[in-house]
Amino acid sequence: MAVLRPLVNQEAILCSDSAGVYAAFARATRIAHRALNSQRGPHVADGAFHIQNVSAYDSRLKGWMRRFP
C-alpha cells in the first residue's frame, strides 16, 4: 500500500465489490469507499457509483484469454 499511497488522490472515491481487501486499502489510504455487493443488491448506488464497467472488462478479458493454453 505504501507504493500506491502517493498515487491516490485523497479526494478519490474507491468503488468496488464487497471484497474486504478494498475496504482495507481505503482505510489504509484514508480515502472514501463505496462497496457494492453485486450478488445481492443494486449494481448502482446513488446513480453514480457502479462497478459494471470493470466487471464487463474483466469478463471480456477472461474470454479473450481462454484462447491461450
Protein backbone atom coordinates (compact mmCIF):
# COMPACT_ATOMS: atom_id res chain seq x y z
CA MET A 1 0.00 0.00 0.00
CA ALA A 2 2.90 2.32 0.61
CA VAL A 3 3.65 2.29 -3.11
CA LEU A 4 0.10 3.28 -4.05
CA ARG A 5 -0.48 5.85 -1.31
CA PRO A 6 1.27 8.76 -3.12
CA LEU A 7 -0.56 7.92 -6.35
CA VAL A 8 -4.09 8.01 -4.93
CA ASN A 9 -5.69 11.42 -4.59
CA GLN A 10 -7.15 11.95 -1.12
CA GLU A 11 -10.39 13.12 -2.74
CA ALA A 12 -10.75 9.86 -4.68
CA ILE A 13 -13.65 7.53 -4.03
CA LEU A 14 -12.94 3.83 -4.43
CA CYS A 15 -15.94 2.00 -5.82
CA SER A 16 -15.57 -1.76 -5.62
CA ASP A 17 -17.26 -5.05 -4.98
CA SER A 18 -17.56 -6.05 -1.34
CA ALA A 19 -14.22 -7.87 -1.07
CA GLY A 20 -12.53 -6.98 2.20
CA VAL A 21 -9.20 -6.11 0.60
CA TYR A 22 -10.73 -2.97 -0.94
CA ALA A 23 -12.10 -1.77 2.40
CA ALA A 24 -8.69 -2.35 4.00
CA PHE A 25 -6.99 -0.40 1.21
CA ALA A 26 -9.44 2.50 1.58
CA ARG A 27 -8.88 2.64 5.34
CA ALA A 28 -5.10 2.47 4.96
CA THR A 29 -5.03 5.26 2.36
CA ARG A 30 -7.80 7.23 4.08
CA ILE A 31 -9.99 7.53 1.01
CA ALA A 32 -13.74 7.12 0.74
CA HIS A 33 -15.02 3.69 -0.24
CA ARG A 34 -18.35 2.61 -1.73
CA ALA A 35 -18.74 -1.16 -1.69
CA LEU A 36 -21.39 -2.72 -3.89
CA ASN A 37 -22.37 -6.34 -3.44
CA SER A 38 -23.34 -7.20 -6.99
CA GLN A 39 -24.59 -10.63 -5.91
CA ARG A 40 -27.22 -9.23 -3.54
CA GLY A 41 -28.04 -5.61 -4.09
CA PRO A 42 -28.26 -2.95 -6.73
CA HIS A 43 -25.42 -2.60 -9.18
CA VAL A 44 -25.61 1.19 -8.95
CA ALA A 45 -25.58 3.36 -5.82
CA ASP A 46 -26.67 6.98 -5.76
CA GLY A 47 -26.92 6.98 -9.54
CA ALA A 48 -23.17 7.40 -9.94
CA PHE A 49 -21.30 4.58 -8.27
CA HIS A 50 -21.17 1.31 -10.17
CA ILE A 51 -18.74 -1.49 -10.97
CA GLN A 52 -20.35 -2.61 -14.21
CA ASN A 53 -17.61 -1.29 -16.50
CA VAL A 54 -14.87 -3.08 -14.59
CA SER A 55 -16.91 -6.28 -14.34
CA ALA A 56 -17.65 -6.21 -18.08
CA TYR A 57 -13.99 -5.57 -18.92
CA ASP A 58 -12.90 -8.41 -16.64
CA SER A 59 -15.36 -10.76 -18.32
CA ARG A 60 -14.18 -9.81 -21.83
CA LEU A 61 -10.52 -10.16 -20.84
CA LYS A 62 -11.10 -13.63 -19.36
CA GLY A 63 -12.98 -14.67 -22.51
CA TRP A 64 -10.15 -13.46 -24.71
CA MET A 65 -7.51 -15.22 -22.58
CA ARG A 66 -9.31 -18.58 -22.80
CA ARG A 67 -7.94 -18.93 -26.34
CA PHE A 68 -4.44 -19.36 -24.98
CA PRO A 69 -3.44 -22.64 -23.33
